[in-house]
Amino acid sequence: MFGFSSDIGIDLGTASVLVFVKGKGIVLQEPSVVAIDKNTNSILAVGQDARKMLGRTPGNIVAIRPLKDGVISDYNVTEKMLKYFINKTVGKKWVFKPKIIVCVPSGVTEVEKRAVIDATNEAGARATYLIEEPIAAAIGAGLDIAQANGHMIVDIGGGTTDVAVISLGGIVVSNSIKVAGDKFDEAIIRYMRKKHNIMIGERTAEEMKIHIGGAQKRDEEIKMNVRGRNLVSGLPVNIEVGSHEMAEALEESVMAIADTVHSVLEKTPPELASDIADQGIVMTGGGALLWGFDQLISNRTGIAVRVAEEAISCVAKGTGQALDSLQILEGDMRMRKSRR
């Protein structure tokens, strides 16, 4: 059966992909993971099914993340992943191919932008548009960015953290660093290896980050049982790890983001800085949910900080809402377009 396609917005994240369909909202949220059979070069699984295979595959199967630090690291696999998610969202047979808006970090190069456009076009887009993540995050967080008021957004994703001051619908000052959720996981893995002589996997590190992780030490420590492999004996072990240790493990990454927020504020024009002091800083993305992160940035800057509702889906929601403005934005330099 052939279907009429709807325009869609894609938050193409390092850790996960969210898809927004016009008129329906967010219809898909899955990990950015693809499992491939190296012998036949065929895709075995995508998304959640592929994520379950991370660290558990035989020699001929490899589970990979085709995006690294917010940009495409494996073009062919990204194209196949996008095609899978688009087909899953709007069906395999279309009367009209969809127009697609894709989010990119504010610091990507023209070459990286072209790679996203080409991959999306090859995956089945009629026309591809790009929108910078801080703009999408601000729209999704409910900020009125069209007014002559300064808004600061801190979007902490899987691969990148984007910090931007937005006014009159555009980015005035911004910085994008490759420290975000994935670096948090890597820091936890390194800490466990160095402090406890235990090797843990990405999924375990992520669970530790979610359940006992923190940007600063908690008043009351909480603990979690963690399974890993002892590097001396080579055998599985089970140990108890506390939240204070996680704050120690994450300190360097967390402070790198706090320093970036501080440096962007220093470069912000005085009038806009005054607006931000009045209205506060808004945090979005999965990394914004790290315990105590909002308070740490507030203490560092002296400005009130709030985490947006549904922080993980703000970028996807903002991308979807931008679909309503395609006709206005088609000529806008902030929206890079490529037609097939």
C-alpha atoms as a PDB file:
ATOM      1  CA  MET A   1       0.000   0.000   0.000  1.00  0.00           C
ATOM      2  CA  PHE A   2       1.325   3.424  -0.957  1.00  0.00           C
ATOM      3  CA  GLY A   3       1.113   6.263   1.582  1.00  0.00           C
ATOM      4  CA  PHE A   4       1.319  10.019   1.510  1.00  0.00           C
ATOM      5  CA  SER A   5       4.447  11.033   3.371  1.00  0.00           C
ATOM      6  CA  SER A   6       4.492  13.658   6.096  1.00  0.00           C
ATOM      7  CA  ASP A   7       7.331  16.095   6.571  1.00  0.00           C
ATOM      8  CA  ILE A   8       9.565  14.956   9.402  1.00  0.00           C
ATOM      9  CA  GLY A   9      12.171  16.362  11.758  1.00  0.00           C
ATOM     10  CA  ILE A  10      15.099  14.246  12.921  1.00  0.00           C
ATOM     11  CA  ASP A  11      17.278  14.760  15.984  1.00  0.00           C
ATOM     12  CA  LEU A  12      20.265  12.813  14.668  1.00  0.00           C
ATOM     13  CA  GLY A  13      22.113  12.333  17.934  1.00  0.00           C
ATOM     14  CA  THR A  14      25.310  10.502  18.797  1.00  0.00           C
ATOM     15  CA  ALA A  15      23.482   8.447  21.430  1.00  0.00           C
ATOM     16  CA  SER A  16      19.923   8.315  20.087  1.00  0.00           C
ATOM     17  CA  VAL A  17      17.722   9.292  17.153  1.00  0.00           C
ATOM     18  CA  LEU A  18      14.347  10.957  17.699  1.00  0.00           C
ATOM     19  CA  VAL A  19      11.892  11.424  14.845  1.00  0.00           C
ATOM     20  CA  PHE A  20       9.091  14.006  14.830  1.00  0.00           C
ATOM     21  CA  VAL A  21       6.296  13.637  12.274  1.00  0.00           C
ATOM     22  CA  LYS A  22       4.250  16.701  11.405  1.00  0.00           C
ATOM     23  CA  GLY A  23       0.798  16.389  12.930  1.00  0.00           C
ATOM     24  CA  LYS A  24       1.763  13.414  15.125  1.00  0.00           C
ATOM     25  CA  GLY A  25       4.631  14.566  17.352  1.00  0.00           C
ATOM     26  CA  ILE A  26       7.568  12.367  18.344  1.00  0.00           C
ATOM     27  CA  VAL A  27       6.895   8.899  16.972  1.00  0.00           C
ATOM     28  CA  LEU A  28      10.284   7.230  17.396  1.00  0.00           C
ATOM     29  CA  GLN A  29      13.140   7.320  19.887  1.00  0.00           C
ATOM     30  CA  GLU A  30      15.847   4.691  19.493  1.00  0.00           C
ATOM     31  CA  PRO A  31      19.594   4.368  20.138  1.00  0.00           C
ATOM     32  CA  SER A  32      21.956   5.376  17.288  1.00  0.00           C
ATOM     33  CA  VAL A  33      23.373   1.863  17.004  1.00  0.00           C
ATOM     34  CA  VAL A  34      23.632  -0.467  13.996  1.00  0.00           C
ATOM     35  CA  ALA A  35      24.605  -4.158  14.075  1.00  0.00           C
ATOM     36  CA  ILE A  36      26.367  -5.367  10.916  1.00  0.00           C
ATOM     37  CA  ASP A  37      27.460  -8.795   9.683  1.00  0.00           C
ATOM     38  CA  LYS A  38      31.062  -8.200   8.545  1.00  0.00           C
ATOM     39  CA  ASN A  39      31.033 -11.267   6.283  1.00  0.00           C
ATOM     40  CA  THR A  40      28.088 -10.112   4.159  1.00  0.00           C
ATOM     41  CA  ASN A  41      28.134  -6.362   5.037  1.00  0.00           C
ATOM     42  CA  SER A  42      24.407  -6.634   5.734  1.00  0.00           C
ATOM     43  CA  ILE A  43      22.552  -4.892   8.545  1.00  0.00           C
ATOM     44  CA  LEU A  44      21.229  -7.307  11.178  1.00  0.00           C
ATOM     45  CA  ALA A  45      19.596  -4.838  13.569  1.00  0.00           C
ATOM     46  CA  VAL A  46      19.114  -1.114  14.123  1.00  0.00           C
ATOM     47  CA  GLY A  47      18.264   0.923  17.205  1.00  0.00           C
ATOM     48  CA  GLN A  48      17.179  -0.787  20.415  1.00  0.00           C
ATOM     49  CA  ASP A  49      17.712  -4.303  19.044  1.00  0.00           C
ATOM     50  CA  ALA A  50      21.261  -3.390  17.986  1.00  0.00           C
ATOM     51  CA  ARG A  51      22.028  -1.697  21.319  1.00  0.00           C
ATOM     52  CA  LYS A  52      21.333  -4.976  23.119  1.00  0.00           C
ATOM     53  CA  MET A  53      24.201  -6.462  21.109  1.00  0.00           C
ATOM     54  CA  LEU A  54      26.822  -3.896  22.238  1.00  0.00           C
ATOM     55  CA  GLY A  55      29.701  -5.792  23.829  1.00  0.00           C
ATOM     56  CA  ARG A  56      27.959  -9.132  23.236  1.00  0.00           C
ATOM     57  CA  THR A  57      28.583  -9.945  19.574  1.00  0.00           C
ATOM     58  CA  PRO A  58      30.542 -12.847  18.016  1.00  0.00           C
ATOM     59  CA  GLY A  59      33.503 -12.111  15.739  1.00  0.00           C
ATOM     60  CA  ASN A  60      31.548 -11.731  12.512  1.00  0.00           C
ATOM     61  CA  ILE A  61      28.997  -9.277  13.963  1.00  0.00           C
ATOM     62  CA  VAL A  62      29.896  -5.730  14.983  1.00  0.00           C
ATOM     63  CA  ALA A  63      27.561  -3.300  16.768  1.00  0.00           C
ATOM     64  CA  ILE A  64      28.645   0.264  16.042  1.00  0.00           C
ATOM     65  CA  ARG A  65      27.559   3.850  16.537  1.00  0.00           C
ATOM     66  CA  PRO A  66      27.922   5.565  13.135  1.00  0.00           C
ATOM     67  CA  LEU A  67      28.004   9.044  14.708  1.00  0.00           C
ATOM     68  CA  LYS A  68      30.793  10.292  16.933  1.00  0.00           C
ATOM     69  CA  ASP A  69      30.996  13.608  18.757  1.00  0.00           C
ATOM     70  CA  GLY A  70      27.819  14.815  17.047  1.00  0.00           C
ATOM     71  CA  VAL A  71      28.960  14.190  13.460  1.00  0.00           C
ATOM     72  CA  ILE A  72      28.943  11.310  10.965  1.00  0.00           C
ATOM     73  CA  SER A  73      31.934   9.005  11.371  1.00  0.00           C
ATOM     74  CA  ASP A  74      30.631   6.237   9.069  1.00  0.00           C
ATOM     75  CA  TYR A  75      28.713   7.682   6.123  1.00  0.00           C
ATOM     76  CA  ASN A  76      27.368   4.440   4.614  1.00  0.00           C
ATOM     77  CA  VAL A  77      26.091   3.060   7.916  1.00  0.00           C
ATOM     78  CA  THR A  78      24.499   6.413   8.815  1.00  0.00           C
ATOM     79  CA  GLU A  79      22.666   6.441   5.485  1.00  0.00           C
ATOM     80  CA  LYS A  80      21.340   2.910   6.092  1.00  0.00           C
ATOM     81  CA  MET A  81      20.330   3.795   9.640  1.00  0.00           C
ATOM     82  CA  LEU A  82      18.479   6.911   8.469  1.00  0.00           C
ATOM     83  CA  LYS A  83      16.711   4.926   5.743  1.00  0.00           C
ATOM     84  CA  TYR A  84      15.619   2.351   8.326  1.00  0.00           C
ATOM     85  CA  PHE A  85      14.218   4.994  10.699  1.00  0.00           C
ATOM     86  CA  ILE A  86      12.501   6.950   7.895  1.00  0.00           C
ATOM     87  CA  ASN A  87      10.891   3.779   6.544  1.00  0.00           C
ATOM     88  CA  LYS A  88       9.815   2.762  10.032  1.00  0.00           C
ATOM     89  CA  THR A  89       8.276   6.201  10.533  1.00  0.00           C
ATOM     90  CA  VAL A  90       6.475   6.911   7.242  1.00  0.00           C
ATOM     91  CA  GLY A  91       6.431   3.529   5.494  1.00  0.00           C
ATOM     92  CA  LYS A  92       8.530   2.130   2.658  1.00  0.00           C
ATOM     93  CA  LYS A  93       6.341   3.209  -0.258  1.00  0.00           C
ATOM     94  CA  TRP A  94       5.511   6.885  -0.626  1.00  0.00           C
ATOM     95  CA  VAL A  95       3.475   8.903  -3.095  1.00  0.00           C
ATOM     96  CA  PHE A  96       5.632  11.895  -2.152  1.00  0.00           C
ATOM     97  CA  LYS A  97       9.022  11.744  -0.499  1.00  0.00           C
ATOM     98  CA  PRO A  98       9.128  13.705   2.774  1.00  0.00           C
ATOM     99  CA  LYS A  99      10.832  17.007   3.419  1.00  0.00           C
ATOM    100  CA  ILE A 100      13.205  16.469   6.325  1.00  0.00           C
ATOM    101  CA  ILE A 101      14.825  18.846   8.826  1.00  0.00           C
ATOM    102  CA  VAL A 102      17.898  17.445  10.604  1.00  0.00           C
ATOM    103  CA  CYS A 103      19.621  18.936  13.646  1.00  0.00           C
ATOM    104  CA  VAL A 104      23.367  19.551  13.651  1.00  0.00           C
ATOM    105  CA  PRO A 105      25.631  20.882  16.431  1.00  0.00           C
ATOM    106  CA  SER A 106      26.433  24.595  16.187  1.00  0.00           C
ATOM    107  CA  GLY A 107      30.133  23.923  15.609  1.00  0.00           C
ATOM    108  CA  VAL A 108      29.961  21.576  12.598  1.00  0.00           C
ATOM    109  CA  THR A 109      31.961  22.339   9.450  1.00  0.00           C
ATOM    110  CA  GLU A 110      30.572  22.788   5.938  1.00  0.00           C
ATOM    111  CA  VAL A 111      31.951  19.334   5.017  1.00  0.00           C
ATOM    112  CA  GLU A 112      30.122  17.755   7.965  1.00  0.00           C
ATOM    113  CA  LYS A 113      26.912  19.580   7.026  1.00  0.00           C
ATOM    114  CA  ARG A 114      27.192  18.296   3.454  1.00  0.00           C
ATOM    115  CA  ALA A 115      27.637  14.732   4.749  1.00  0.00           C
ATOM    116  CA  VAL A 116      24.391  15.000   6.744  1.00  0.00           C
ATOM    117  CA  ILE A 117      22.509  16.458   3.773  1.00  0.00           C
ATOM    118  CA  ASP A 118      23.805  13.809   1.347  1.00  0.00           C
ATOM    119  CA  ALA A 119      23.085  10.931   3.738  1.00  0.00           C
ATOM    120  CA  THR A 120      19.535  12.175   4.375  1.00  0.00           C
ATOM    121  CA  ASN A 121      18.867  12.681   0.671  1.00  0.00           C
ATOM    122  CA  GLU A 122      20.154   9.182  -0.127  1.00  0.00           C
ATOM    123  CA  ALA A 123      17.946   7.805   2.644  1.00  0.00           C
ATOM    124  CA  GLY A 124      14.852   9.146   0.856  1.00  0.00           C
ATOM    125  CA  ALA A 125      14.327  12.860   1.527  1.00  0.00           C
ATOM    126  CA  ARG A 126      12.732  15.076  -1.149  1.00  0.00           C
ATOM    127  CA  ALA A 127      14.542  18.070   0.336  1.00  0.00           C
ATOM    128  CA  THR A 128      16.828  18.273   3.373  1.00  0.00           C
ATOM    129  CA  TYR A 129      17.162  21.231   5.709  1.00  0.00           C
ATOM    130  CA  LEU A 130      19.575  21.721   8.584  1.00  0.00           C
ATOM    131  CA  ILE A 131      18.854  23.523  11.831  1.00  0.00           C
ATOM    132  CA  GLU A 132      21.400  24.174  14.563  1.00  0.00           C
ATOM    133  CA  GLU A 133      20.734  22.254  17.762  1.00  0.00           C
ATOM    134  CA  PRO A 134      20.639  25.244  20.146  1.00  0.00           C
ATOM    135  CA  ILE A 135      17.917  26.886  18.011  1.00  0.00           C
ATOM    136  CA  ALA A 136      15.877  23.656  17.933  1.00  0.00           C
ATOM    137  CA  ALA A 137      16.430  23.065  21.665  1.00  0.00           C
ATOM    138  CA  ALA A 138      15.259  26.599  22.508  1.00  0.00           C
ATOM    139  CA  ILE A 139      12.112  26.222  20.384  1.00  0.00           C
ATOM    140  CA  GLY A 140      11.398  22.806  21.930  1.00  0.00           C
ATOM    141  CA  ALA A 141      11.887  24.227  25.437  1.00  0.00           C
ATOM    142  CA  GLY A 142       9.149  26.773  24.754  1.00  0.00           C
ATOM    143  CA  LEU A 143      11.359  29.878  24.508  1.00  0.00           C
ATOM    144  CA  ASP A 144      10.151  32.713  22.273  1.00  0.00           C
ATOM    145  CA  ILE A 145      13.391  33.174  20.361  1.00  0.00           C
ATOM    146  CA  ALA A 146      11.919  35.601  17.799  1.00  0.00           C
ATOM    147  CA  GLN A 147      11.847  38.489  20.282  1.00  0.00           C
ATOM    148  CA  ALA A 148      14.719  40.917  20.937  1.00  0.00           C
ATOM    149  CA  ASN A 149      15.469  39.220  24.244  1.00  0.00           C
ATOM    150  CA  GLY A 150      18.533  37.201  25.144  1.00  0.00           C
ATOM    151  CA  HIS A 151      18.079  33.502  25.955  1.00  0.00           C
ATOM    152  CA  MET A 152      20.864  31.134  26.952  1.00  0.00           C
ATOM    153  CA  ILE A 153      20.485  27.453  26.113  1.00  0.00           C
ATOM    154  CA  VAL A 154      22.809  24.668  27.273  1.00  0.00           C
ATOM    155  CA  ASP A 155      22.091  21.515  25.259  1.00  0.00           C
ATOM    156  CA  ILE A 156      24.013  18.474  26.543  1.00  0.00           C
ATOM    157  CA  GLY A 157      23.582  15.548  24.172  1.00  0.00           C
ATOM    158  CA  GLY A 158      25.498  12.316  23.696  1.00  0.00           C
ATOM    159  CA  GLY A 159      28.423  13.602  21.635  1.00  0.00           C
ATOM    160  CA  THR A 160      28.414  17.372  22.010  1.00  0.00           C
ATOM    161  CA  THR A 161      27.408  20.144  24.387  1.00  0.00           C
ATOM    162  CA  ASP A 162      26.120  23.275  22.658  1.00  0.00           C
ATOM    163  CA  VAL A 163      26.002  26.517  24.615  1.00  0.00           C
ATOM    164  CA  ALA A 164      24.372  29.451  22.831  1.00  0.00           C
ATOM    165  CA  VAL A 165      22.898  32.884  23.419  1.00  0.00           C
ATOM    166  CA  ILE A 166      19.909  33.412  21.118  1.00  0.00           C
ATOM    167  CA  SER A 167      18.102  36.631  20.178  1.00  0.00           C
ATOM    168  CA  LEU A 168      15.832  37.632  17.278  1.00  0.00           C
ATOM    169  CA  GLY A 169      15.732  34.030  16.062  1.00  0.00           C
ATOM    170  CA  GLY A 170      19.499  33.691  15.633  1.00  0.00           C
ATOM    171  CA  ILE A 171      22.594  32.680  17.552  1.00  0.00           C
ATOM    172  CA  VAL A 172      24.551  35.679  18.852  1.00  0.00           C
ATOM    173  CA  VAL A 173      27.322  33.856  20.748  1.00  0.00           C
ATOM    174  CA  SER A 174      27.927  30.113  20.897  1.00  0.00           C
ATOM    175  CA  ASN A 175      30.418  27.389  21.586  1.00  0.00           C
ATOM    176  CA  SER A 176      30.224  23.651  20.942  1.00  0.00           C
ATOM    177  CA  ILE A 177      32.483  21.195  22.759  1.00  0.00           C
ATOM    178  CA  LYS A 178      32.857  17.454  22.332  1.00  0.00           C
ATOM    179  CA  VAL A 179      32.208  16.736  26.003  1.00  0.00           C
ATOM    180  CA  ALA A 180      28.757  15.305  26.764  1.00  0.00           C
ATOM    181  CA  GLY A 181      26.968  12.097  27.777  1.00  0.00           C
ATOM    182  CA  ASP A 182      29.383   9.717  26.021  1.00  0.00           C
ATOM    183  CA  LYS A 183      32.378  11.362  27.696  1.00  0.00           C
ATOM    184  CA  PHE A 184      30.610  10.929  31.048  1.00  0.00           C
ATOM    185  CA  ASP A 185      30.369   7.183  30.348  1.00  0.00           C
ATOM    186  CA  GLU A 186      34.029   7.013  29.296  1.00  0.00           C
ATOM    187  CA  ALA A 187      35.077   8.848  32.466  1.00  0.00           C
ATOM    188  CA  ILE A 188      33.183   6.311  34.608  1.00  0.00           C
ATOM    189  CA  ILE A 189      34.822   3.389  32.749  1.00  0.00           C
ATOM    190  CA  ARG A 190      38.284   4.918  33.273  1.00  0.00           C
ATOM    191  CA  TYR A 191      37.588   5.578  36.948  1.00  0.00           C
ATOM    192  CA  MET A 192      36.438   2.005  37.603  1.00  0.00           C
ATOM    193  CA  ARG A 193      39.515   0.632  35.851  1.00  0.00           C
ATOM    194  CA  LYS A 194      41.920   2.919  37.724  1.00  0.00           C
ATOM    195  CA  LYS A 195      40.303   2.943  41.178  1.00  0.00           C
ATOM    196  CA  HIS A 196      38.826  -0.559  41.415  1.00  0.00           C
ATOM    197  CA  ASN A 197      40.835  -2.496  38.806  1.00  0.00           C
ATOM    198  CA  ILE A 198      37.570  -3.501  37.144  1.00  0.00           C
ATOM    199  CA  MET A 199      36.545  -3.342  33.498  1.00  0.00           C
ATOM    200  CA  ILE A 200      32.899  -2.444  32.839  1.00  0.00           C
ATOM    201  CA  GLY A 201      31.023  -1.940  29.563  1.00  0.00           C
ATOM    202  CA  GLU A 202      29.286   1.105  28.098  1.00  0.00           C
ATOM    203  CA  ARG A 203      25.827  -0.018  29.166  1.00  0.00           C
ATOM    204  CA  THR A 204      26.908  -0.530  32.789  1.00  0.00           C
ATOM    205  CA  ALA A 205      28.601   2.889  32.828  1.00  0.00           C
ATOM    206  CA  GLU A 206      25.432   4.501  31.502  1.00  0.00           C
ATOM    207  CA  GLU A 207      23.322   2.809  34.187  1.00  0.00           C
ATOM    208  CA  MET A 208      25.734   4.048  36.863  1.00  0.00           C
ATOM    209  CA  LYS A 209      25.543   7.581  35.447  1.00  0.00           C
ATOM    210  CA  ILE A 210      21.744   7.535  35.521  1.00  0.00           C
ATOM    211  CA  HIS A 211      21.262   5.939  38.951  1.00  0.00           C
ATOM    212  CA  ILE A 212      24.142   7.219  41.086  1.00  0.00           C
ATOM    213  CA  GLY A 213      25.929   9.777  38.890  1.00  0.00           C
ATOM    214  CA  GLY A 214      26.105  13.422  39.872  1.00  0.00           C
ATOM    215  CA  ALA A 215      27.733  16.715  38.953  1.00  0.00           C
ATOM    216  CA  GLN A 216      28.531  17.227  42.643  1.00  0.00           C
ATOM    217  CA  LYS A 217      28.420  15.208  45.841  1.00  0.00           C
ATOM    218  CA  ARG A 218      25.005  14.542  47.341  1.00  0.00           C
ATOM    219  CA  ASP A 219      24.153  15.288  50.961  1.00  0.00           C
ATOM    220  CA  GLU A 220      23.256  11.636  51.422  1.00  0.00           C
ATOM    221  CA  GLU A 221      25.323   9.128  49.481  1.00  0.00           C
ATOM    222  CA  ILE A 222      23.508   6.434  47.527  1.00  0.00           C
ATOM    223  CA  LYS A 223      25.085   3.181  46.382  1.00  0.00           C
ATOM    224  CA  MET A 224      24.717   0.635  43.610  1.00  0.00           C
ATOM    225  CA  ASN A 225      25.962  -2.893  42.996  1.00  0.00           C
ATOM    226  CA  VAL A 226      28.101  -3.066  39.859  1.00  0.00           C
ATOM    227  CA  ARG A 227      29.259  -6.160  37.969  1.00  0.00           C
ATOM    228  CA  GLY A 228      32.454  -6.132  35.969  1.00  0.00           C
ATOM    229  CA  ARG A 229      35.583  -8.134  35.135  1.00  0.00           C
ATOM    230  CA  ASN A 230      38.551  -8.047  37.478  1.00  0.00           C
ATOM    231  CA  LEU A 231      41.625  -7.043  35.471  1.00  0.00           C
ATOM    232  CA  VAL A 232      43.951  -9.172  37.627  1.00  0.00           C
ATOM    233  CA  SER A 233      42.052 -12.448  37.911  1.00  0.00           C
ATOM    234  CA  GLY A 234      40.017 -12.033  34.715  1.00  0.00           C
ATOM    235  CA  LEU A 235      36.922 -13.225  36.595  1.00  0.00           C
ATOM    236  CA  PRO A 236      33.521 -11.514  37.002  1.00  0.00           C
ATOM    237  CA  VAL A 237      33.159  -9.572  40.258  1.00  0.00           C
ATOM    238  CA  ASN A 238      30.395  -7.651  42.003  1.00  0.00           C
ATOM    239  CA  ILE A 239      31.230  -4.513  44.011  1.00  0.00           C
ATOM    240  CA  GLU A 240      29.338  -1.668  45.629  1.00  0.00           C
ATOM    241  CA  VAL A 241      29.991   1.833  44.278  1.00  0.00           C
ATOM    242  CA  GLY A 242      28.771   5.092  45.830  1.00  0.00           C
ATOM    243  CA  SER A 243      27.533   8.366  44.346  1.00  0.00           C
ATOM    244  CA  HIS A 244      30.459  10.305  45.888  1.00  0.00           C
ATOM    245  CA  GLU A 245      32.828   8.271  43.714  1.00  0.00           C
ATOM    246  CA  MET A 246      30.767   9.080  40.622  1.00  0.00           C
ATOM    247  CA  ALA A 247      30.965  12.808  41.379  1.00  0.00           C
ATOM    248  CA  GLU A 248      34.747  12.386  41.534  1.00  0.00           C
ATOM    249  CA  ALA A 249      34.812  10.428  38.262  1.00  0.00           C
ATOM    250  CA  LEU A 250      32.706  13.010  36.427  1.00  0.00           C
ATOM    251  CA  GLU A 251      34.312  16.149  37.863  1.00  0.00           C
ATOM    252  CA  GLU A 252      36.618  16.911  34.922  1.00  0.00           C
ATOM    253  CA  SER A 253      33.900  16.518  32.261  1.00  0.00           C
ATOM    254  CA  VAL A 254      31.328  18.464  34.252  1.00  0.00           C
ATOM    255  CA  MET A 255      33.726  21.352  34.885  1.00  0.00           C
ATOM    256  CA  ALA A 256      34.619  21.509  31.170  1.00  0.00           C
ATOM    257  CA  ILE A 257      30.942  22.200  30.409  1.00  0.00           C
ATOM    258  CA  ALA A 258      30.623  24.710  33.272  1.00  0.00           C
ATOM    259  CA  ASP A 259      33.739  26.510  31.973  1.00  0.00           C
ATOM    260  CA  THR A 260      32.180  26.689  28.484  1.00  0.00           C
ATOM    261  CA  VAL A 261      28.987  28.243  29.880  1.00  0.00           C
ATOM    262  CA  HIS A 262      31.104  30.788  31.758  1.00  0.00           C
ATOM    263  CA  SER A 263      33.179  31.674  28.660  1.00  0.00           C
ATOM    264  CA  VAL A 264      30.071  32.161  26.482  1.00  0.00           C
ATOM    265  CA  LEU A 265      28.598  34.470  29.138  1.00  0.00           C
ATOM    266  CA  GLU A 266      31.817  36.487  29.115  1.00  0.00           C
ATOM    267  CA  LYS A 267      31.450  37.058  25.353  1.00  0.00           C
ATOM    268  CA  THR A 268      27.746  37.963  25.552  1.00  0.00           C
ATOM    269  CA  PRO A 269      26.792  41.625  24.863  1.00  0.00           C
ATOM    270  CA  PRO A 270      25.803  43.424  28.097  1.00  0.00           C
ATOM    271  CA  GLU A 271      22.144  43.948  27.165  1.00  0.00           C
ATOM    272  CA  LEU A 272      21.663  40.261  26.385  1.00  0.00           C
ATOM    273  CA  ALA A 273      23.601  39.235  29.503  1.00  0.00           C
ATOM    274  CA  SER A 274      21.165  41.327  31.530  1.00  0.00           C
ATOM    275  CA  ASP A 275      18.228  39.491  29.917  1.00  0.00           C
ATOM    276  CA  ILE A 276      19.808  36.133  30.765  1.00  0.00           C
ATOM    277  CA  ALA A 277      20.385  37.216  34.377  1.00  0.00           C
ATOM    278  CA  ASP A 278      16.666  38.076  34.615  1.00  0.00           C
ATOM    279  CA  GLN A 279      15.270  35.035  32.799  1.00  0.00           C
ATOM    280  CA  GLY A 280      17.835  32.388  33.744  1.00  0.00           C
ATOM    281  CA  ILE A 281      19.650  29.687  31.804  1.00  0.00           C
ATOM    282  CA  VAL A 282      17.765  26.729  30.286  1.00  0.00           C
ATOM    283  CA  MET A 283      19.341  23.264  30.088  1.00  0.00           C
ATOM    284  CA  THR A 284      18.201  20.603  27.616  1.00  0.00           C
ATOM    285  CA  GLY A 285      19.373  17.166  26.450  1.00  0.00           C
ATOM    286  CA  GLY A 286      19.907  13.933  28.343  1.00  0.00           C
ATOM    287  CA  GLY A 287      23.080  15.225  30.025  1.00  0.00           C
ATOM    288  CA  ALA A 288      21.068  18.000  31.668  1.00  0.00           C
ATOM    289  CA  LEU A 289      19.403  15.312  33.800  1.00  0.00           C
ATOM    290  CA  LEU A 290      22.677  14.483  35.579  1.00  0.00           C
ATOM    291  CA  TRP A 291      21.960  15.013  39.267  1.00  0.00           C
ATOM    292  CA  GLY A 292      22.945  18.455  40.576  1.00  0.00           C
ATOM    293  CA  PHE A 293      24.198  19.790  37.232  1.00  0.00           C
ATOM    294  CA  ASP A 294      21.754  22.711  37.137  1.00  0.00           C
ATOM    295  CA  GLN A 295      22.734  23.742  40.665  1.00  0.00           C
ATOM    296  CA  LEU A 296      26.445  23.518  39.860  1.00  0.00           C
ATOM    297  CA  ILE A 297      26.103  25.850  36.850  1.00  0.00           C
ATOM    298  CA  SER A 298      23.925  28.215  38.879  1.00  0.00           C
ATOM    299  CA  ASN A 299      26.584  28.361  41.607  1.00  0.00           C
ATOM    300  CA  ARG A 300      29.293  28.948  39.012  1.00  0.00           C
ATOM    301  CA  THR A 301      27.480  31.757  37.149  1.00  0.00           C
ATOM    302  CA  GLY A 302      25.285  33.298  39.841  1.00  0.00           C
ATOM    303  CA  ILE A 303      22.302  32.918  37.482  1.00  0.00           C
ATOM    304  CA  ALA A 304      19.193  30.808  38.038  1.00  0.00           C
ATOM    305  CA  VAL A 305      19.237  27.590  35.974  1.00  0.00           C
ATOM    306  CA  ARG A 306      16.311  25.339  35.098  1.00  0.00           C
ATOM    307  CA  VAL A 307      16.127  22.028  33.279  1.00  0.00           C
ATOM    308  CA  ALA A 308      13.490  22.086  30.528  1.00  0.00           C
ATOM    309  CA  GLU A 309      10.508  19.770  30.743  1.00  0.00           C
ATOM    310  CA  GLU A 310      11.077  16.633  28.657  1.00  0.00           C
ATOM    311  CA  ALA A 311      14.709  17.721  28.291  1.00  0.00           C
ATOM    312  CA  ILE A 312      15.672  14.690  26.175  1.00  0.00           C
ATOM    313  CA  SER A 313      13.090  15.436  23.482  1.00  0.00           C
ATOM    314  CA  CYS A 314      13.437  19.262  23.310  1.00  0.00           C
ATOM    315  CA  VAL A 315      15.652  19.218  20.201  1.00  0.00           C
ATOM    316  CA  ALA A 316      13.322  16.823  18.356  1.00  0.00           C
ATOM    317  CA  LYS A 317      10.241  18.841  19.364  1.00  0.00           C
ATOM    318  CA  GLY A 318      11.879  22.082  18.250  1.00  0.00           C
ATOM    319  CA  THR A 319      12.875  20.510  14.950  1.00  0.00           C
ATOM    320  CA  GLY A 320       9.305  19.357  14.426  1.00  0.00           C
ATOM    321  CA  GLN A 321       7.885  22.777  15.254  1.00  0.00           C
ATOM    322  CA  ALA A 322      10.302  24.319  12.717  1.00  0.00           C
ATOM    323  CA  LEU A 323       8.481  22.243  10.045  1.00  0.00           C
ATOM    324  CA  ASP A 324       5.577  24.687  10.396  1.00  0.00           C
ATOM    325  CA  SER A 325       7.890  27.518   9.343  1.00  0.00           C
ATOM    326  CA  LEU A 326       9.504  25.845   6.323  1.00  0.00           C
ATOM    327  CA  GLN A 327       8.093  28.363   3.847  1.00  0.00           C
ATOM    328  CA  ILE A 328       9.451  31.268   5.897  1.00  0.00           C
ATOM    329  CA  LEU A 329      12.742  29.542   6.580  1.00  0.00           C
ATOM    330  CA  GLU A 330      13.473  28.275   3.057  1.00  0.00           C
ATOM    331  CA  GLY A 331      15.380  31.445   2.312  1.00  0.00           C
ATOM    332  CA  ASP A 332      16.942  31.740   5.766  1.00  0.00           C
ATOM    333  CA  MET A 333      20.692  31.219   5.979  1.00  0.00           C
ATOM    334  CA  ARG A 334      20.233  29.380   9.279  1.00  0.00           C
ATOM    335  CA  MET A 335      18.394  26.647   7.426  1.00  0.00           C
ATOM    336  CA  ARG A 336      20.732  25.022   4.888  1.00  0.00           C
ATOM    337  CA  LYS A 337      18.707  23.356   2.139  1.00  0.00           C
ATOM    338  CA  SER A 338      19.566  20.843  -0.545  1.00  0.00           C
ATOM    339  CA  ARG A 339      17.134  19.504  -3.096  1.00  0.00           C
ATOM    340  CA  ARG A 340      17.600  16.256  -4.934  1.00  0.00           C
END
